[in-house]
Amino acid sequence: MHLTNFQVFTQQGTNAFGSVLVATHRSIPVQRVTTFQNDYNLIVLDIGNSPNQIQLAACYSPPNENLPLHRFNDILSRNSNTIFLGDLNAKHDSWCITPSNTKGRRLFEWLNQNDFQVINKFIPTSTRSKSTIDLILTPLDMFSGSFSVLPSIGSDHYPVHWTSPLTVPSKERLLPIKRTLWTLYELFITFTSSYWDNLSTTMVDKIDFFCLYERFLSLSSSRLTYVCYCKSYIPSIPAPIIDLIKHKRHYLHL
């Protein structure tokens, strides 16, 4: 997994221990909702371009602060197809095996008022207690799929993995296209050619030299190659080959 293949959105938190980060694959059209971009502890994204696009809201609610339910209402009024998720520090006996707290009771009321459900219930997400405080909240019509809590990766929270049947239509997905800066590549290879010429005469094992030079060429091209994402692309087949393909299709009546 290369981070360059992901768009990363971040937002500052209200304390020194928490903030919000969302990473989305670049093949998925995503746009940040500017209405909420100045809210601490909150990131709101539009996913997809169709009228049925999904709104994703990632939130961190510190233990000593109230849940921003008024902002949840604002987000929901903008698009009812919304998924809320994050470390909410809200505990309630309908999704948590530890005693309820004030934040949990208020969130439970909000869930009932808006016909939302908690996806990940009764499996602890905190490494320091048995509490389920990292929650995925969805409308009832999105309440499907399966989830699992993964082993710790060093944080004081366990990662929560949700497999959802929700998909972005294929016509909206962006296509990855590799682009290499061939002019720079040619200049670099030319500039270093004298070194490799000398090395080829001093190295006794020619197979070792060949493998080393092959690796150098591969790493050099990788260094000067990047991936961009486009709605469509034109095949990089030379024009004469395309003409031959058309000629063949004509005779085969394709």
Protein backbone atom coordinates (compact mmCIF):
# COMPACT_ATOMS: atom_id res chain seq x y z
CA MET A 1 0.00 0.00 0.00
CA HIS A 2 1.47 3.36 -1.08
CA LEU A 3 0.20 6.48 0.62
CA THR A 4 0.60 8.34 -2.68
CA ASN A 5 -2.42 6.35 -3.92
CA PHE A 6 -4.59 7.92 -1.22
CA GLN A 7 -6.03 11.35 -0.59
CA VAL A 8 -5.44 12.29 3.03
CA PHE A 9 -7.73 14.70 4.89
CA THR A 10 -6.83 15.93 8.37
CA GLN A 11 -8.38 18.16 10.99
CA GLN A 12 -6.96 19.51 14.22
CA GLY A 13 -8.42 18.38 17.53
CA THR A 14 -9.27 20.36 20.64
CA ASN A 15 -6.75 18.57 22.82
CA ALA A 16 -3.20 17.29 22.50
CA PHE A 17 -4.21 13.64 22.28
CA GLY A 18 -6.65 13.55 19.39
CA SER A 19 -7.34 14.81 15.89
CA VAL A 20 -9.03 13.36 12.81
CA LEU A 21 -7.55 11.79 9.67
CA VAL A 22 -9.35 10.17 6.74
CA ALA A 23 -7.55 8.48 3.82
CA THR A 24 -9.51 7.62 0.67
CA HIS A 25 -8.25 5.82 -2.42
CA ARG A 26 -7.72 8.15 -5.35
CA SER A 27 -9.86 6.00 -7.63
CA ILE A 28 -12.91 7.13 -5.62
CA PRO A 29 -14.20 10.67 -6.31
CA VAL A 30 -14.20 12.49 -2.97
CA GLN A 31 -14.72 16.11 -2.04
CA ARG A 32 -14.48 17.75 1.35
CA VAL A 33 -17.59 19.58 2.51
CA THR A 34 -16.43 23.14 3.10
CA THR A 35 -19.33 23.97 5.42
CA PHE A 36 -17.67 21.93 8.17
CA GLN A 37 -14.00 22.32 7.31
CA ASN A 38 -13.35 24.74 10.19
CA ASP A 39 -14.94 22.51 12.83
CA TYR A 40 -12.38 20.99 15.17
CA ASN A 41 -12.46 17.20 15.60
CA LEU A 42 -14.57 16.75 12.46
CA ILE A 43 -14.14 15.85 8.78
CA VAL A 44 -17.11 15.60 6.40
CA LEU A 45 -16.69 14.20 2.88
CA ASP A 46 -18.92 13.68 -0.15
CA ILE A 47 -18.19 10.29 -1.74
CA GLY A 48 -19.23 9.75 -5.35
CA ASN A 49 -20.84 12.07 -7.88
CA SER A 50 -24.26 10.54 -8.39
CA PRO A 51 -27.49 11.82 -6.80
CA ASN A 52 -27.19 8.90 -4.37
CA GLN A 53 -23.74 9.92 -3.17
CA ILE A 54 -22.76 9.04 0.39
CA GLN A 55 -21.68 11.52 3.02
CA LEU A 56 -18.96 10.38 5.42
CA ALA A 57 -18.45 12.16 8.75
CA ALA A 58 -15.44 11.26 10.89
CA CYS A 59 -15.49 12.67 14.40
CA TYR A 60 -13.38 12.62 17.54
CA SER A 61 -15.17 13.56 20.75
CA PRO A 62 -12.81 14.00 23.74
CA PRO A 63 -13.95 12.37 27.00
CA ASN A 64 -14.53 15.69 28.77
CA GLU A 65 -16.51 17.32 25.94
CA ASN A 66 -20.13 16.94 24.86
CA LEU A 67 -20.96 15.14 21.66
CA PRO A 68 -21.50 17.64 18.81
CA LEU A 69 -25.01 16.34 18.15
CA HIS A 70 -26.14 19.72 16.81
CA ARG A 71 -23.48 19.40 14.09
CA PHE A 72 -24.55 15.81 13.48
CA ASN A 73 -28.03 17.17 12.79
CA ASP A 74 -26.61 19.77 10.40
CA ILE A 75 -24.67 17.07 8.57
CA LEU A 76 -27.69 14.80 8.39
CA SER A 77 -29.97 17.55 7.09
CA ARG A 78 -27.56 18.07 4.22
CA ASN A 79 -27.61 14.39 3.16
CA SER A 80 -29.53 11.60 4.88
CA ASN A 81 -27.20 8.98 3.31
CA THR A 82 -24.57 9.64 5.95
CA ILE A 83 -22.17 7.38 7.81
CA PHE A 84 -20.77 8.66 11.10
CA LEU A 85 -17.68 7.08 12.60
CA GLY A 86 -14.91 7.82 15.04
CA ASP A 87 -13.78 7.76 18.64
CA LEU A 88 -16.88 9.17 20.33
CA ASN A 89 -16.10 8.08 23.91
CA ALA A 90 -19.80 7.26 24.26
CA LYS A 91 -20.81 4.15 26.22
CA HIS A 92 -24.26 2.60 26.41
CA ASP A 93 -25.48 -0.87 27.27
CA SER A 94 -27.02 -1.26 23.81
CA TRP A 95 -23.53 -1.50 22.24
CA CYS A 96 -21.06 -1.61 25.14
CA ILE A 97 -20.51 -4.12 27.96
CA THR A 98 -19.19 -1.46 30.36
CA PRO A 99 -21.49 0.94 32.26
CA SER A 100 -23.20 3.72 30.30
CA ASN A 101 -22.08 7.33 30.55
CA THR A 102 -23.84 10.62 29.84
CA LYS A 103 -22.47 10.83 26.30
CA GLY A 104 -23.70 7.32 25.58
CA ARG A 105 -27.21 8.03 26.83
CA ARG A 106 -27.46 11.19 24.74
CA LEU A 107 -26.13 9.39 21.67
CA PHE A 108 -28.63 6.56 22.22
CA GLU A 109 -31.49 9.08 22.20
CA TRP A 110 -30.14 10.69 19.03
CA LEU A 111 -29.85 7.30 17.31
CA ASN A 112 -33.47 6.48 18.09
CA GLN A 113 -34.70 9.89 16.94
CA ASN A 114 -32.91 9.57 13.58
CA ASP A 115 -33.32 5.81 12.94
CA PHE A 116 -29.59 5.09 13.15
CA GLN A 117 -27.84 1.96 14.36
CA VAL A 118 -24.39 1.09 15.70
CA ILE A 119 -22.59 -1.36 13.40
CA ASN A 120 -19.94 -2.63 15.82
CA LYS A 121 -21.53 -3.73 19.08
CA PHE A 122 -20.19 -5.39 22.24
CA ILE A 123 -16.59 -5.90 21.11
CA PRO A 124 -14.11 -3.64 22.95
CA THR A 125 -12.21 -1.11 20.86
CA SER A 126 -10.13 0.36 23.70
CA THR A 127 -6.94 -1.44 24.73
CA ARG A 128 -7.18 0.03 28.23
CA SER A 129 -10.70 -1.17 29.06
CA LYS A 130 -13.57 -3.34 27.84
CA SER A 131 -15.36 -0.32 26.36
CA THR A 132 -16.68 0.01 22.81
CA ILE A 133 -16.05 3.71 22.19
CA ASP A 134 -14.99 3.72 18.52
CA LEU A 135 -18.30 3.53 16.69
CA ILE A 136 -19.67 3.22 13.16
CA LEU A 137 -23.18 4.70 12.88
CA THR A 138 -25.40 4.19 9.83
CA PRO A 139 -29.06 4.69 8.87
CA LEU A 140 -31.19 1.57 9.14
CA ASP A 141 -31.25 1.08 5.36
CA MET A 142 -27.42 0.95 5.35
CA PHE A 143 -27.23 -1.36 8.35
CA SER A 144 -25.62 -4.37 6.67
CA GLY A 145 -22.29 -6.04 6.07
CA SER A 146 -19.92 -7.48 8.64
CA PHE A 147 -17.30 -6.03 10.96
CA SER A 148 -14.28 -7.22 12.89
CA VAL A 149 -11.94 -5.70 15.44
CA LEU A 150 -8.31 -6.18 14.45
CA PRO A 151 -5.27 -6.66 16.71
CA SER A 152 -3.59 -3.56 18.10
CA ILE A 153 -1.07 -1.79 15.86
CA GLY A 154 0.47 0.23 18.69
CA SER A 155 -2.33 2.66 19.48
CA ASP A 156 -4.53 2.51 22.58
CA HIS A 157 -7.44 1.69 20.25
CA TYR A 158 -8.08 -1.43 18.20
CA PRO A 159 -8.74 -0.89 14.47
CA VAL A 160 -12.33 -1.61 13.43
CA HIS A 161 -12.84 -3.12 9.97
CA TRP A 162 -16.27 -2.89 8.37
CA THR A 163 -17.04 -4.72 5.13
CA SER A 164 -19.95 -2.87 3.56
CA PRO A 165 -21.96 -3.79 0.45
CA LEU A 166 -22.04 -0.09 -0.46
CA THR A 167 -20.12 0.64 -3.65
CA VAL A 168 -19.31 3.58 -5.87
CA PRO A 169 -20.72 3.03 -9.41
CA SER A 170 -18.00 1.94 -11.82
CA LYS A 171 -18.75 4.84 -14.16
CA GLU A 172 -17.83 7.25 -11.36
CA ARG A 173 -14.53 5.62 -10.44
CA LEU A 174 -11.31 7.17 -11.63
CA LEU A 175 -8.85 5.07 -13.61
CA PRO A 176 -5.20 4.82 -12.46
CA ILE A 177 -2.73 5.72 -15.20
CA LYS A 178 1.03 5.42 -14.77
CA ARG A 179 3.10 8.23 -16.23
CA THR A 180 6.88 8.20 -16.51
CA LEU A 181 9.01 11.29 -17.05
CA TRP A 182 10.93 9.73 -19.91
CA THR A 183 12.97 12.82 -20.80
CA LEU A 184 14.37 13.04 -17.28
CA TYR A 185 14.91 9.29 -17.29
CA GLU A 186 16.93 9.50 -20.50
CA LEU A 187 19.02 12.39 -19.14
CA PHE A 188 19.74 10.53 -15.91
CA ILE A 189 20.75 7.32 -17.69
CA THR A 190 22.99 9.27 -20.05
CA PHE A 191 24.59 11.20 -17.20
CA THR A 192 25.45 8.00 -15.28
CA SER A 193 26.49 5.94 -18.30
CA SER A 194 30.24 6.53 -17.81
CA TYR A 195 30.05 5.07 -14.30
CA TRP A 196 28.35 1.93 -15.56
CA ASP A 197 30.77 1.62 -18.48
CA ASN A 198 33.69 1.62 -16.07
CA LEU A 199 31.96 -0.79 -13.72
CA SER A 200 31.27 -3.24 -16.54
CA THR A 201 35.00 -3.50 -17.24
CA THR A 202 36.03 -3.93 -13.61
CA MET A 203 33.40 -6.43 -12.47
CA VAL A 204 34.49 -9.99 -13.09
CA ASP A 205 31.08 -11.62 -12.84
CA LYS A 206 29.09 -10.32 -15.80
CA ILE A 207 25.86 -11.87 -14.55
CA ASP A 208 26.16 -9.91 -11.30
CA PHE A 209 26.77 -6.76 -13.31
CA PHE A 210 23.77 -7.43 -15.51
CA CYS A 211 21.49 -7.99 -12.48
CA LEU A 212 22.82 -4.87 -10.78
CA TYR A 213 22.34 -2.70 -13.85
CA GLU A 214 18.89 -4.15 -14.49
CA ARG A 215 17.88 -3.26 -10.94
CA PHE A 216 19.31 0.24 -11.37
CA LEU A 217 17.22 0.81 -14.51
CA SER A 218 14.08 -0.51 -12.83
CA LEU A 219 14.51 1.63 -9.70
CA SER A 220 15.32 4.70 -11.78
CA SER A 221 12.16 4.38 -13.84
CA SER A 222 10.09 3.77 -10.68
CA ARG A 223 11.53 6.90 -9.12
CA LEU A 224 10.41 8.95 -12.11
CA THR A 225 6.99 7.31 -12.44
CA TYR A 226 3.80 8.51 -10.78
CA VAL A 227 0.16 7.49 -10.90
CA CYS A 228 -2.58 9.92 -11.84
CA TYR A 229 -6.31 9.22 -11.87
CA CYS A 230 -8.54 10.17 -14.80
CA LYS A 231 -12.15 9.62 -15.82
CA SER A 232 -11.05 8.05 -19.10
CA TYR A 233 -7.86 7.31 -20.98
CA ILE A 234 -6.60 6.82 -24.49
CA PRO A 235 -4.68 3.56 -25.05
CA SER A 236 -0.98 4.11 -25.63
CA ILE A 237 -0.95 1.89 -28.73
CA PRO A 238 0.83 3.41 -31.76
CA ALA A 239 -1.45 4.67 -34.52
CA PRO A 240 -0.25 2.08 -37.12
CA ILE A 241 -1.15 -0.76 -34.73
CA ILE A 242 -4.60 0.75 -34.22
CA ASP A 243 -5.05 0.88 -38.01
CA LEU A 244 -4.10 -2.81 -38.26
CA ILE A 245 -6.63 -3.69 -35.55
CA LYS A 246 -9.35 -1.78 -37.40
CA HIS A 247 -8.36 -3.51 -40.66
CA LYS A 248 -8.57 -6.93 -38.99
CA ARG A 249 -11.94 -6.15 -37.43
CA HIS A 250 -13.24 -5.06 -40.82
CA TYR A 251 -12.35 -8.40 -42.41
CA LEU A 252 -13.64 -10.39 -39.44
CA HIS A 253 -16.88 -8.35 -39.45
CA LEU A 254 -16.45 -7.46 -35.77
